[in-house]
């Protein structure tokens, strides 16, 4: 859960419409999460960025 919007983030309606549903729970699409984490550039997000990039490049089938 994120308690504020980042500059340049999609508006709330678009975020809700683009939610990915997993077992009945809406989540922000990983591509959006990746964009946020890359733009923030925080050290604590670097491992997440690597894992998300790898997952998006090689999705489980």
PDB file of N, CA and C in Angstrom:
ATOM      1  N   UNK A   1       0.851  -1.156   0.000  1.00  0.00           N
ATOM      2  CA  UNK A   1       0.000   0.000   0.000  1.00  0.00           C
ATOM      3  C   UNK A   1       0.903   1.227   0.000  1.00  0.00           C
ATOM      4  N   UNK A   2       0.523   2.200  -0.775  1.00  0.00           N
ATOM      5  CA  UNK A   2       1.306   3.423  -0.882  1.00  0.00           C
ATOM      6  C   UNK A   2       0.409   4.575  -0.480  1.00  0.00           C
ATOM      7  N   UNK A   3       0.873   5.439   0.410  1.00  0.00           N
ATOM      8  CA  UNK A   3       0.002   6.474   0.970  1.00  0.00           C
ATOM      9  C   UNK A   3       0.049   7.814   0.247  1.00  0.00           C
ATOM     10  N   UNK A   4       0.754   7.889  -0.883  1.00  0.00           N
ATOM     11  CA  UNK A   4       0.781   9.136  -1.649  1.00  0.00           C
ATOM     12  C   UNK A   4       1.144   8.817  -3.096  1.00  0.00           C
ATOM     13  N   UNK A   5       0.816   9.727  -3.999  1.00  0.00           N
ATOM     14  CA  UNK A   5       1.108   9.539  -5.412  1.00  0.00           C
ATOM     15  C   UNK A   5       2.463  10.160  -5.724  1.00  0.00           C
ATOM     16  N   UNK A   6       3.183   9.558  -6.615  1.00  0.00           N
ATOM     17  CA  UNK A   6       4.444  10.129  -7.091  1.00  0.00           C
ATOM     18  C   UNK A   6       4.158  11.078  -8.234  1.00  0.00           C
ATOM     19  N   UNK A   7       4.949  12.131  -8.388  1.00  0.00           N
ATOM     20  CA  UNK A   7       4.757  13.008  -9.544  1.00  0.00           C
ATOM     21  C   UNK A   7       4.824  12.189 -10.836  1.00  0.00           C
ATOM     22  N   UNK A   8       3.882  12.451 -11.731  1.00  0.00           N
ATOM     23  CA  UNK A   8       3.841  11.722 -12.993  1.00  0.00           C
ATOM     24  C   UNK A   8       3.114  10.393 -12.939  1.00  0.00           C
ATOM     25  N   UNK A   9       2.617  10.010 -11.760  1.00  0.00           N
ATOM     26  CA  UNK A   9       1.879   8.752 -11.629  1.00  0.00           C
ATOM     27  C   UNK A   9       0.534   8.874 -12.336  1.00  0.00           C
ATOM     28  N   UNK A  10      -0.011   7.742 -12.774  1.00  0.00           N
ATOM     29  CA  UNK A  10      -1.353   7.776 -13.362  1.00  0.00           C
ATOM     30  C   UNK A  10      -2.365   8.269 -12.328  1.00  0.00           C
ATOM     31  N   UNK A  11      -3.462   8.822 -12.813  1.00  0.00           N
ATOM     32  CA  UNK A  11      -4.490   9.275 -11.881  1.00  0.00           C
ATOM     33  C   UNK A  11      -5.152   8.055 -11.228  1.00  0.00           C
ATOM     34  N   UNK A  12      -5.796   8.256 -10.071  1.00  0.00           N
ATOM     35  CA  UNK A  12      -6.382   7.129  -9.339  1.00  0.00           C
ATOM     36  C   UNK A  12      -7.338   6.275 -10.169  1.00  0.00           C
ATOM     37  N   UNK A  13      -8.178   6.894 -11.006  1.00  0.00           N
ATOM     38  CA  UNK A  13      -9.108   6.102 -11.821  1.00  0.00           C
ATOM     39  C   UNK A  13      -8.361   5.164 -12.757  1.00  0.00           C
ATOM     40  N   UNK A  14      -7.313   5.657 -13.382  1.00  0.00           N
ATOM     41  CA  UNK A  14      -6.527   4.807 -14.292  1.00  0.00           C
ATOM     42  C   UNK A  14      -5.834   3.686 -13.524  1.00  0.00           C
ATOM     43  N   UNK A  15      -5.333   4.007 -12.339  1.00  0.00           N
ATOM     44  CA  UNK A  15      -4.679   2.975 -11.530  1.00  0.00           C
ATOM     45  C   UNK A  15      -5.663   1.875 -11.141  1.00  0.00           C
ATOM     46  N   UNK A  16      -6.870   2.268 -10.773  1.00  0.00           N
ATOM     47  CA  UNK A  16      -7.888   1.283 -10.399  1.00  0.00           C
ATOM     48  C   UNK A  16      -8.270   0.441 -11.609  1.00  0.00           C
ATOM     49  N   UNK A  17      -8.458   1.083 -12.753  1.00  0.00           N
ATOM     50  CA  UNK A  17      -8.834   0.361 -13.971  1.00  0.00           C
ATOM     51  C   UNK A  17      -7.746  -0.607 -14.435  1.00  0.00           C
ATOM     52  N   UNK A  18      -6.479  -0.291 -14.159  1.00  0.00           N
ATOM     53  CA  UNK A  18      -5.388  -1.138 -14.639  1.00  0.00           C
ATOM     54  C   UNK A  18      -4.946  -2.183 -13.613  1.00  0.00           C
ATOM     55  N   UNK A  19      -5.652  -2.254 -12.488  1.00  0.00           N
ATOM     56  CA  UNK A  19      -5.268  -3.203 -11.442  1.00  0.00           C
ATOM     57  C   UNK A  19      -5.216  -4.626 -11.988  1.00  0.00           C
ATOM     58  N   UNK A  20      -4.245  -5.375 -11.490  1.00  0.00           N
ATOM     59  CA  UNK A  20      -4.131  -6.801 -11.810  1.00  0.00           C
ATOM     60  C   UNK A  20      -4.708  -7.553 -10.612  1.00  0.00           C
ATOM     61  N   UNK A  21      -5.650  -8.437 -10.893  1.00  0.00           N
ATOM     62  CA  UNK A  21      -6.313  -9.161  -9.823  1.00  0.00           C
ATOM     63  C   UNK A  21      -5.615 -10.489  -9.575  1.00  0.00           C
ATOM     64  N   UNK A  22      -5.272 -10.732  -8.315  1.00  0.00           N
ATOM     65  CA  UNK A  22      -4.630 -11.982  -7.909  1.00  0.00           C
ATOM     66  C   UNK A  22      -5.438 -12.540  -6.751  1.00  0.00           C
ATOM     67  N   UNK A  23      -6.073 -13.669  -7.003  1.00  0.00           N
ATOM     68  CA  UNK A  23      -6.904 -14.322  -6.002  1.00  0.00           C
ATOM     69  C   UNK A  23      -7.913 -13.350  -5.384  1.00  0.00           C
ATOM     70  N   UNK A  24      -8.530 -12.529  -6.250  1.00  0.00           N
ATOM     71  CA  UNK A  24      -9.584 -11.629  -5.827  1.00  0.00           C
ATOM     72  C   UNK A  24      -9.123 -10.319  -5.194  1.00  0.00           C
ATOM     73  N   UNK A  25      -7.822 -10.062  -5.199  1.00  0.00           N
ATOM     74  CA  UNK A  25      -7.286  -8.843  -4.593  1.00  0.00           C
ATOM     75  C   UNK A  25      -6.620  -8.005  -5.686  1.00  0.00           C
ATOM     76  N   UNK A  26      -6.985  -6.696  -5.789  1.00  0.00           N
ATOM     77  CA  UNK A  26      -6.383  -5.852  -6.820  1.00  0.00           C
ATOM     78  C   UNK A  26      -4.989  -5.364  -6.415  1.00  0.00           C
ATOM     79  N   UNK A  27      -4.075  -5.428  -7.377  1.00  0.00           N
ATOM     80  CA  UNK A  27      -2.704  -4.959  -7.173  1.00  0.00           C
ATOM     81  C   UNK A  27      -2.323  -4.025  -8.305  1.00  0.00           C
ATOM     82  N   UNK A  28      -1.455  -3.092  -7.999  1.00  0.00           N
ATOM     83  CA  UNK A  28      -0.899  -2.236  -9.045  1.00  0.00           C
ATOM     84  C   UNK A  28      -0.056  -3.119  -9.958  1.00  0.00           C
ATOM     85  N   UNK A  29      -0.150  -2.940 -11.283  1.00  0.00           N
ATOM     86  CA  UNK A  29       0.646  -3.760 -12.197  1.00  0.00           C
ATOM     87  C   UNK A  29       2.141  -3.640 -11.901  1.00  0.00           C
ATOM     88  N   UNK A  30       2.850  -4.748 -12.038  1.00  0.00           N
ATOM     89  CA  UNK A  30       4.279  -4.746 -11.746  1.00  0.00           C
ATOM     90  C   UNK A  30       5.043  -3.716 -12.573  1.00  0.00           C
ATOM     91  N   UNK A  31       4.620  -3.473 -13.795  1.00  0.00           N
ATOM     92  CA  UNK A  31       5.320  -2.475 -14.601  1.00  0.00           C
ATOM     93  C   UNK A  31       5.218  -1.094 -13.963  1.00  0.00           C
ATOM     94  N   UNK A  32       4.088  -0.796 -13.316  1.00  0.00           N
ATOM     95  CA  UNK A  32       3.927   0.485 -12.610  1.00  0.00           C
ATOM     96  C   UNK A  32       4.794   0.521 -11.350  1.00  0.00           C
ATOM     97  N   UNK A  33       4.821  -0.580 -10.614  1.00  0.00           N
ATOM     98  CA  UNK A  33       5.652  -0.659  -9.412  1.00  0.00           C
ATOM     99  C   UNK A  33       7.121  -0.475  -9.796  1.00  0.00           C
ATOM    100  N   UNK A  34       7.533  -1.124 -10.878  1.00  0.00           N
ATOM    101  CA  UNK A  34       8.903  -0.996 -11.355  1.00  0.00           C
ATOM    102  C   UNK A  34       9.227   0.463 -11.675  1.00  0.00           C
ATOM    103  N   UNK A  35       8.335   1.129 -12.370  1.00  0.00           N
ATOM    104  CA  UNK A  35       8.545   2.538 -12.714  1.00  0.00           C
ATOM    105  C   UNK A  35       8.716   3.371 -11.448  1.00  0.00           C
ATOM    106  N   UNK A  36       7.860   3.170 -10.448  1.00  0.00           N
ATOM    107  CA  UNK A  36       7.957   3.932  -9.195  1.00  0.00           C
ATOM    108  C   UNK A  36       9.305   3.699  -8.523  1.00  0.00           C
ATOM    109  N   UNK A  37       9.669   2.422  -8.402  1.00  0.00           N
ATOM    110  CA  UNK A  37      10.906   2.084  -7.697  1.00  0.00           C
ATOM    111  C   UNK A  37      12.133   2.619  -8.438  1.00  0.00           C
ATOM    112  N   UNK A  38      12.124   2.556  -9.753  1.00  0.00           N
ATOM    113  CA  UNK A  38      13.246   3.094 -10.523  1.00  0.00           C
ATOM    114  C   UNK A  38      13.333   4.611 -10.375  1.00  0.00           C
ATOM    115  N   UNK A  39      12.195   5.284 -10.419  1.00  0.00           N
ATOM    116  CA  UNK A  39      12.190   6.748 -10.311  1.00  0.00           C
ATOM    117  C   UNK A  39      12.616   7.223  -8.931  1.00  0.00           C
ATOM    118  N   UNK A  40      12.258   6.480  -7.900  1.00  0.00           N
ATOM    119  CA  UNK A  40      12.660   6.861  -6.552  1.00  0.00           C
ATOM    120  C   UNK A  40      14.160   6.668  -6.345  1.00  0.00           C
ATOM    121  N   UNK A  41      14.728   5.656  -6.987  1.00  0.00           N
ATOM    122  CA  UNK A  41      16.165   5.417  -6.918  1.00  0.00           C
ATOM    123  C   UNK A  41      16.698   5.088  -5.534  1.00  0.00           C
ATOM    124  N   UNK A  42      15.838   4.556  -4.679  1.00  0.00           N
ATOM    125  CA  UNK A  42      16.278   4.240  -3.321  1.00  0.00           C
ATOM    126  C   UNK A  42      17.089   2.948  -3.309  1.00  0.00           C
ATOM    127  N   UNK A  43      18.117   2.933  -2.498  1.00  0.00           N
ATOM    128  CA  UNK A  43      18.956   1.744  -2.358  1.00  0.00           C
ATOM    129  C   UNK A  43      18.120   0.539  -1.928  1.00  0.00           C
ATOM    130  N   UNK A  44      17.159   0.772  -1.022  1.00  0.00           N
ATOM    131  CA  UNK A  44      16.364  -0.341  -0.498  1.00  0.00           C
ATOM    132  C   UNK A  44      15.484  -0.994  -1.563  1.00  0.00           C
ATOM    133  N   UNK A  45      15.266  -0.328  -2.700  1.00  0.00           N
ATOM    134  CA  UNK A  45      14.432  -0.878  -3.770  1.00  0.00           C
ATOM    135  C   UNK A  45      15.219  -1.632  -4.836  1.00  0.00           C
ATOM    136  N   UNK A  46      16.532  -1.588  -4.783  1.00  0.00           N
ATOM    137  CA  UNK A  46      17.337  -2.146  -5.863  1.00  0.00           C
ATOM    138  C   UNK A  46      17.120  -3.647  -6.074  1.00  0.00           C
ATOM    139  N   UNK A  47      17.008  -4.395  -5.011  1.00  0.00           N
ATOM    140  CA  UNK A  47      16.758  -5.832  -5.152  1.00  0.00           C
ATOM    141  C   UNK A  47      15.367  -6.078  -5.745  1.00  0.00           C
ATOM    142  N   UNK A  48      14.374  -5.285  -5.313  1.00  0.00           N
ATOM    143  CA  UNK A  48      13.024  -5.398  -5.881  1.00  0.00           C
ATOM    144  C   UNK A  48      13.049  -5.118  -7.384  1.00  0.00           C
ATOM    145  N   UNK A  49      13.766  -4.067  -7.783  1.00  0.00           N
ATOM    146  CA  UNK A  49      13.864  -3.702  -9.199  1.00  0.00           C
ATOM    147  C   UNK A  49      14.436  -4.877  -9.990  1.00  0.00           C
ATOM    148  N   UNK A  50      15.504  -5.474  -9.474  1.00  0.00           N
ATOM    149  CA  UNK A  50      16.120  -6.626 -10.155  1.00  0.00           C
ATOM    150  C   UNK A  50      15.125  -7.780 -10.287  1.00  0.00           C
ATOM    151  N   UNK A  51      14.431  -8.102  -9.197  1.00  0.00           N
ATOM    152  CA  UNK A  51      13.482  -9.216  -9.219  1.00  0.00           C
ATOM    153  C   UNK A  51      12.306  -8.945 -10.160  1.00  0.00           C
ATOM    154  N   UNK A  52      11.792  -7.724 -10.145  1.00  0.00           N
ATOM    155  CA  UNK A  52      10.667  -7.385 -11.018  1.00  0.00           C
ATOM    156  C   UNK A  52      11.092  -7.444 -12.479  1.00  0.00           C
ATOM    157  N   UNK A  53      12.271  -6.878 -12.796  1.00  0.00           N
ATOM    158  CA  UNK A  53      12.764  -6.934 -14.182  1.00  0.00           C
ATOM    159  C   UNK A  53      12.907  -8.379 -14.652  1.00  0.00           C
ATOM    160  N   UNK A  54      13.472  -9.222 -13.785  1.00  0.00           N
ATOM    161  CA  UNK A  54      13.658 -10.630 -14.145  1.00  0.00           C
ATOM    162  C   UNK A  54      12.311 -11.313 -14.358  1.00  0.00           C
ATOM    163  N   UNK A  55      11.369 -11.052 -13.489  1.00  0.00           N
ATOM    164  CA  UNK A  55      10.048 -11.661 -13.626  1.00  0.00           C
ATOM    165  C   UNK A  55       9.347 -11.216 -14.921  1.00  0.00           C
ATOM    166  N   UNK A  56       9.422  -9.920 -15.210  1.00  0.00           N
ATOM    167  CA  UNK A  56       8.778  -9.414 -16.424  1.00  0.00           C
ATOM    168  C   UNK A  56       9.449  -9.948 -17.689  1.00  0.00           C
ATOM    169  N   UNK A  57      10.759 -10.188 -17.627  1.00  0.00           N
ATOM    170  CA  UNK A  57      11.481 -10.714 -18.781  1.00  0.00           C
ATOM    171  C   UNK A  57      11.262 -12.219 -18.950  1.00  0.00           C
ATOM    172  N   UNK A  58      11.000 -12.915 -17.842  1.00  0.00           N
ATOM    173  CA  UNK A  58      10.846 -14.379 -17.875  1.00  0.00           C
ATOM    174  C   UNK A  58       9.645 -14.793 -17.028  1.00  0.00           C
ATOM    175  N   UNK A  59       8.420 -14.430 -17.447  1.00  0.00           N
ATOM    176  CA  UNK A  59       7.253 -14.764 -16.632  1.00  0.00           C
ATOM    177  C   UNK A  59       7.073 -16.274 -16.505  1.00  0.00           C
ATOM    178  N   UNK A  60       6.610 -16.673 -15.338  1.00  0.00           N
ATOM    179  CA  UNK A  60       6.327 -18.088 -15.102  1.00  0.00           C
ATOM    180  C   UNK A  60       5.173 -18.511 -15.997  1.00  0.00           C
ATOM    181  N   UNK A  61       5.266 -19.675 -16.534  1.00  0.00           N
ATOM    182  CA  UNK A  61       4.239 -20.100 -17.466  1.00  0.00           C
ATOM    183  C   UNK A  61       3.554 -21.290 -17.026  1.00  0.00           C
TER     184      UNK A  61
END
